Protein backbone atom coordinates (compact mmCIF):
# COMPACT_ATOMS: atom_id res chain seq x y z
CA MET A 1 48.04 -9.12 57.22
CA LYS A 2 45.79 -6.38 56.00
CA LYS A 3 47.67 -6.37 52.72
CA ASN A 4 47.06 -10.06 52.29
CA ASN A 5 43.37 -9.62 53.05
CA TYR A 6 43.19 -6.81 50.50
CA LEU A 7 44.85 -8.94 47.84
CA LEU A 8 42.48 -11.78 48.66
CA MET A 9 39.46 -9.52 48.28
CA VAL A 10 40.78 -8.23 44.98
CA CYS A 11 41.25 -11.81 43.76
CA VAL A 12 37.73 -12.73 44.85
CA VAL A 13 36.26 -9.69 43.09
CA CYS A 14 38.22 -10.47 39.92
CA PHE A 15 37.05 -14.07 40.08
CA LEU A 16 33.43 -13.03 40.48
CA ILE A 17 33.71 -10.59 37.58
CA ALA A 18 35.31 -13.27 35.42
CA VAL A 19 32.54 -15.72 36.26
CA PHE A 20 29.48 -13.46 36.18
CA ALA A 21 30.43 -10.68 33.74
CA PRO A 22 29.61 -12.72 30.61
CA THR A 23 26.27 -13.74 32.13
CA ILE A 24 25.41 -10.16 33.09
CA THR A 25 26.45 -8.89 29.66
CA LEU A 26 24.36 -11.56 27.91
CA TYR A 27 21.41 -10.73 30.15
CA PHE A 28 21.41 -7.09 29.15
CA LEU A 29 21.99 -7.94 25.49
CA GLU A 30 19.19 -10.49 25.59
CA ASP A 31 16.91 -7.98 27.25
CA LYS A 32 17.57 -5.45 24.52
CA ASN A 33 17.01 -8.09 21.83
CA VAL A 34 13.74 -9.13 23.42
CA GLN A 35 12.52 -5.55 23.47
CA TYR A 36 13.55 -5.15 19.84
CA LEU A 37 11.79 -8.35 18.79
CA ASN A 38 8.67 -7.38 20.68
CA SER A 39 8.56 -4.00 18.95
CA VAL A 40 8.94 -5.68 15.55
CA SER A 41 6.24 -8.24 16.33
CA LEU A 42 3.83 -5.56 17.47
CA SER A 43 4.54 -3.61 14.30
CA MET A 44 3.86 -6.66 12.13
CA MET A 45 0.65 -7.39 14.03
CA ASP A 46 -0.64 -3.90 13.32
CA THR A 47 -3.50 -4.39 10.87
CA GLY A 48 -2.22 -1.43 8.88
CA ASN A 49 1.04 -3.24 8.19
CA LYS A 50 -0.14 -6.82 7.77
CA ILE A 51 0.07 -8.29 4.29
CA TYR A 52 -2.27 -11.22 4.87
CA ASP A 53 -5.18 -9.44 6.56
CA ASN A 54 -7.20 -9.78 3.34
CA ALA A 55 -9.26 -12.93 2.68
CA ILE A 56 -8.49 -12.86 -1.03
CA ILE A 57 -4.72 -12.63 -0.49
CA ASN A 58 -4.86 -15.39 2.15
CA MET A 59 -6.68 -17.63 -0.28
CA ILE A 60 -4.33 -16.90 -3.18
CA TYR A 61 -1.27 -17.81 -1.13
CA ALA A 62 -2.93 -20.90 0.36
CA ARG A 63 -3.82 -22.05 -3.13
CA TYR A 64 -0.32 -21.71 -4.51
CA ASN A 65 1.27 -23.21 -1.40
CA ASN A 66 -0.41 -26.51 -2.29
CA ASN A 67 -2.46 -26.61 0.89
CA LYS A 68 -4.68 -29.68 1.31
CA TYR A 69 -8.32 -29.29 0.40
CA ASN A 70 -11.56 -31.11 -0.42
CA VAL A 71 -13.70 -30.53 -3.50
CA ASP A 72 -17.49 -30.81 -3.84
CA THR A 73 -19.03 -30.75 -7.33
CA THR A 74 -22.62 -29.88 -8.22
CA ASP A 75 -24.51 -29.16 -11.45
CA LYS A 76 -27.41 -26.73 -11.58
CA TYR A 77 -29.87 -26.26 -14.44
CA ASP A 78 -30.88 -22.58 -14.45
CA TYR A 79 -32.72 -19.99 -16.48
CA SER A 80 -30.22 -18.02 -18.55
CA VAL A 81 -31.05 -14.62 -17.05
CA PRO A 82 -29.99 -13.22 -13.65
CA GLU A 83 -33.58 -13.05 -12.38
CA ILE A 84 -36.96 -14.10 -13.74
CA GLU A 85 -40.48 -14.38 -12.38
CA ILE A 86 -42.74 -17.12 -13.72
CA GLU A 87 -46.34 -17.50 -12.49
CA GLY A 88 -45.56 -15.46 -9.40
CA GLU A 89 -42.45 -17.45 -8.52
CA ARG A 90 -39.07 -15.72 -8.64
CA TYR A 91 -35.99 -17.56 -9.88
CA ILE A 92 -32.43 -16.30 -9.39
CA ASN A 93 -29.37 -17.45 -11.27
CA GLU A 94 -26.72 -16.74 -8.63
CA SER A 95 -23.83 -17.12 -11.08
CA LEU A 96 -25.20 -14.49 -13.43
CA VAL A 97 -26.06 -12.18 -10.52
CA SER A 98 -22.41 -12.33 -9.44
CA LEU A 99 -21.24 -11.60 -12.98
CA LYS A 100 -23.62 -8.63 -13.16
CA GLU A 101 -21.36 -6.87 -10.65
CA LEU A 102 -18.58 -6.96 -13.25
CA GLU A 103 -20.93 -5.44 -15.81
CA THR A 104 -21.62 -2.59 -13.36
CA ILE A 105 -17.94 -1.57 -13.37
CA GLY A 106 -17.65 -2.02 -17.15
CA PHE A 107 -15.51 -5.16 -16.92
CA LEU A 108 -18.09 -7.29 -18.72
CA LYS A 109 -20.11 -6.05 -21.68
CA GLY A 110 -23.89 -6.15 -21.61
CA ASP A 111 -23.72 -8.18 -24.85
CA PHE A 112 -22.59 -11.15 -22.75
CA PHE A 113 -25.90 -11.31 -20.90
CA ASP A 114 -27.88 -10.68 -24.10
CA PHE A 115 -26.18 -13.64 -25.78
CA VAL A 116 -26.57 -15.96 -22.80
CA ALA A 117 -30.27 -15.10 -22.58
CA THR A 118 -30.86 -16.39 -26.12
CA ASN A 119 -30.08 -19.91 -24.85
CA LYS A 120 -33.10 -19.98 -22.50
CA ARG A 121 -31.34 -22.37 -20.09
CA ILE A 122 -27.75 -22.87 -18.96
CA ILE A 123 -26.01 -25.42 -16.76
CA THR A 124 -23.59 -24.23 -14.07
CA ARG A 125 -21.07 -26.76 -12.85
CA THR A 126 -19.62 -25.66 -9.49
CA ASN A 127 -16.48 -26.97 -7.82
CA GLU A 128 -16.36 -25.93 -4.15
CA PHE A 129 -12.82 -25.98 -2.71
CA HIS A 130 -12.58 -26.30 1.08
CA GLY A 131 -9.40 -26.15 3.15
CA GLU A 132 -7.49 -24.05 5.65
CA SER A 133 -7.53 -20.49 4.21
CA LEU A 134 -8.71 -22.10 0.96
CA ASN A 135 -12.38 -21.42 0.43
CA TYR A 136 -13.44 -20.63 -3.11
CA SER A 137 -15.67 -21.82 -5.92
CA LYS A 138 -14.98 -22.40 -9.60
CA LYS A 139 -18.02 -22.13 -11.83
CA ARG A 140 -18.25 -23.29 -15.45
CA LEU A 141 -21.17 -22.19 -17.60
CA PHE A 142 -22.37 -24.56 -20.32
CA LEU A 143 -24.84 -23.42 -22.95
CA SER A 144 -27.48 -25.47 -24.73
CA GLY A 145 -25.83 -27.97 -27.06
CA ASP A 146 -22.42 -27.76 -25.36
CA ASN A 147 -20.69 -30.98 -24.54
CA PHE A 148 -19.21 -31.02 -21.05
CA ASP A 149 -15.60 -30.85 -22.22
CA ILE A 150 -15.33 -27.11 -22.86
CA ALA A 151 -17.40 -24.50 -21.03
CA PHE A 152 -18.60 -21.32 -22.69
CA MET A 153 -16.90 -19.40 -19.88
CA SER A 154 -15.72 -19.92 -16.31
CA PHE A 155 -14.99 -17.83 -13.25
CA GLU A 156 -13.90 -18.20 -9.63
CA ILE A 157 -15.38 -16.64 -6.48
CA GLU A 158 -13.65 -16.21 -3.12
CA ASN A 159 -16.38 -17.39 -0.76
CA ILE A 160 -15.76 -15.02 2.18
CA THR A 161 -15.86 -11.80 0.17
CA ASN A 162 -18.01 -13.16 -2.69
CA LYS A 163 -15.69 -11.41 -5.14
CA ILE A 164 -14.81 -12.80 -8.56
CA ILE A 165 -11.06 -13.45 -8.48
CA ALA A 166 -10.61 -15.13 -11.86
CA ILE A 167 -12.45 -15.31 -15.16
CA LYS A 168 -12.01 -16.95 -18.57
CA ILE A 169 -14.34 -15.65 -21.26
CA PRO A 170 -14.47 -14.98 -25.02
CA ASP A 171 -12.48 -11.78 -25.59
CA TYR A 172 -15.44 -10.07 -27.24
CA TYR A 173 -17.27 -9.79 -23.92
CA ILE A 174 -14.59 -8.31 -21.67
CA VAL A 175 -12.82 -4.95 -21.40
CA THR A 176 -9.26 -4.78 -20.03
CA GLU A 177 -8.42 -1.09 -20.38
CA LYS A 178 -6.47 0.47 -17.52
CA GLU A 179 -9.40 2.51 -16.18
CA ILE A 180 -11.59 -0.59 -16.04
CA LEU A 181 -8.86 -2.62 -14.33
CA GLU A 182 -8.56 0.12 -11.72
CA ASP A 183 -12.28 -0.26 -11.05
CA TYR A 184 -11.82 -4.04 -10.84
CA ILE A 185 -9.12 -3.58 -8.16
CA ASN A 186 -11.49 -1.29 -6.24
CA TYR A 187 -14.21 -3.94 -6.58
CA LEU A 188 -11.80 -6.48 -5.02
CA ASN A 189 -10.96 -4.02 -2.20
CA LEU A 190 -7.27 -4.41 -3.04
CA ASN A 191 -6.60 -0.70 -3.30
CA SER A 192 -2.95 0.31 -3.16
CA GLU A 193 -1.03 3.24 -4.59
CA ASP A 194 1.80 1.07 -5.93
CA TRP A 195 -0.10 -0.90 -8.62
CA VAL A 196 2.00 -1.10 -11.80
CA TYR A 197 0.06 -1.53 -15.03
CA GLU A 198 1.70 -3.37 -17.91
CA LYS A 199 0.37 -5.00 -21.04
CA ASP A 200 -0.28 -8.45 -19.61
CA SER A 201 -0.20 -7.91 -15.85
CA ILE A 202 -0.82 -5.59 -12.93
CA THR A 203 1.40 -5.94 -9.90
CA SER A 204 1.53 -4.62 -6.36
CA LYS A 205 4.58 -5.09 -4.14
CA ASN A 206 2.61 -3.91 -1.12
CA LYS A 207 -0.12 -6.49 -1.65
CA LYS A 208 2.38 -9.05 -3.00
CA ILE A 209 0.04 -10.19 -5.74
CA GLU A 210 -0.18 -10.02 -9.53
CA ILE A 211 -3.25 -9.88 -11.74
CA LYS A 212 -2.35 -11.78 -14.90
CA ILE A 213 -4.05 -11.15 -18.23
CA GLU A 214 -3.64 -13.87 -20.86
CA ASN A 215 -5.06 -14.12 -24.37
CA ILE A 216 -5.65 -17.73 -25.41
CA ASN A 217 -7.43 -18.68 -28.65
CA ASN A 218 -9.89 -15.76 -28.65
CA PHE A 219 -10.40 -16.10 -24.91
CA VAL A 220 -9.19 -13.74 -22.20
CA SER A 221 -8.08 -15.31 -18.94
CA ILE A 222 -7.62 -13.12 -15.86
CA SER A 223 -6.28 -14.57 -12.62
CA ILE A 224 -4.58 -13.47 -9.40
CA VAL A 225 -1.28 -15.06 -8.38
CA PRO A 226 1.40 -14.41 -5.71
CA TYR A 227 4.06 -11.85 -6.55
CA SER A 228 7.38 -11.19 -4.85
């Protein structure tokens, strides 16, 4: 009798193991996986490791992911100098003030502002792009006598940082030597030790972006695009 009871208990134990062992095993495996995933997520959330914690990078990727956006267009008739005072009233050309920052780092030549000033007045046509993570302005500068088909130059500003992220300008007025481009990267606050400098581009795998330099009919075009 005792032997039969023993065999019965053994059968019950084996049955329970057969039924619950897979569940128990999956539980522990799942628990380990959850801990692993949590540790990865926390690592990715660390601001030191995030790729998209920079407003400029967010905007660049949103732009090239074809995110939806709205555009507002305005024209402004300005004096052709960054600042001027007339009869006690001060006038500021915000576009030229922004471009002055590029002159400070040697990216733009002072001759650019000297030439623009000879035109007395300029018209700035601004396209404001608004969307999720897409918040920038494109500005086209037209000089006296220009038709409104081709601007003298154009540039783009990321509206959160107020940094110039793209520019198209006659090649005479811009300097693209390596040392100057390094200063431009510092100006953008996109510092990284892995920047690779080539003839027509600068790339960073850490930042996952590329600064493209194109020469088109005596113009230089500089823009930032995604890089993988």
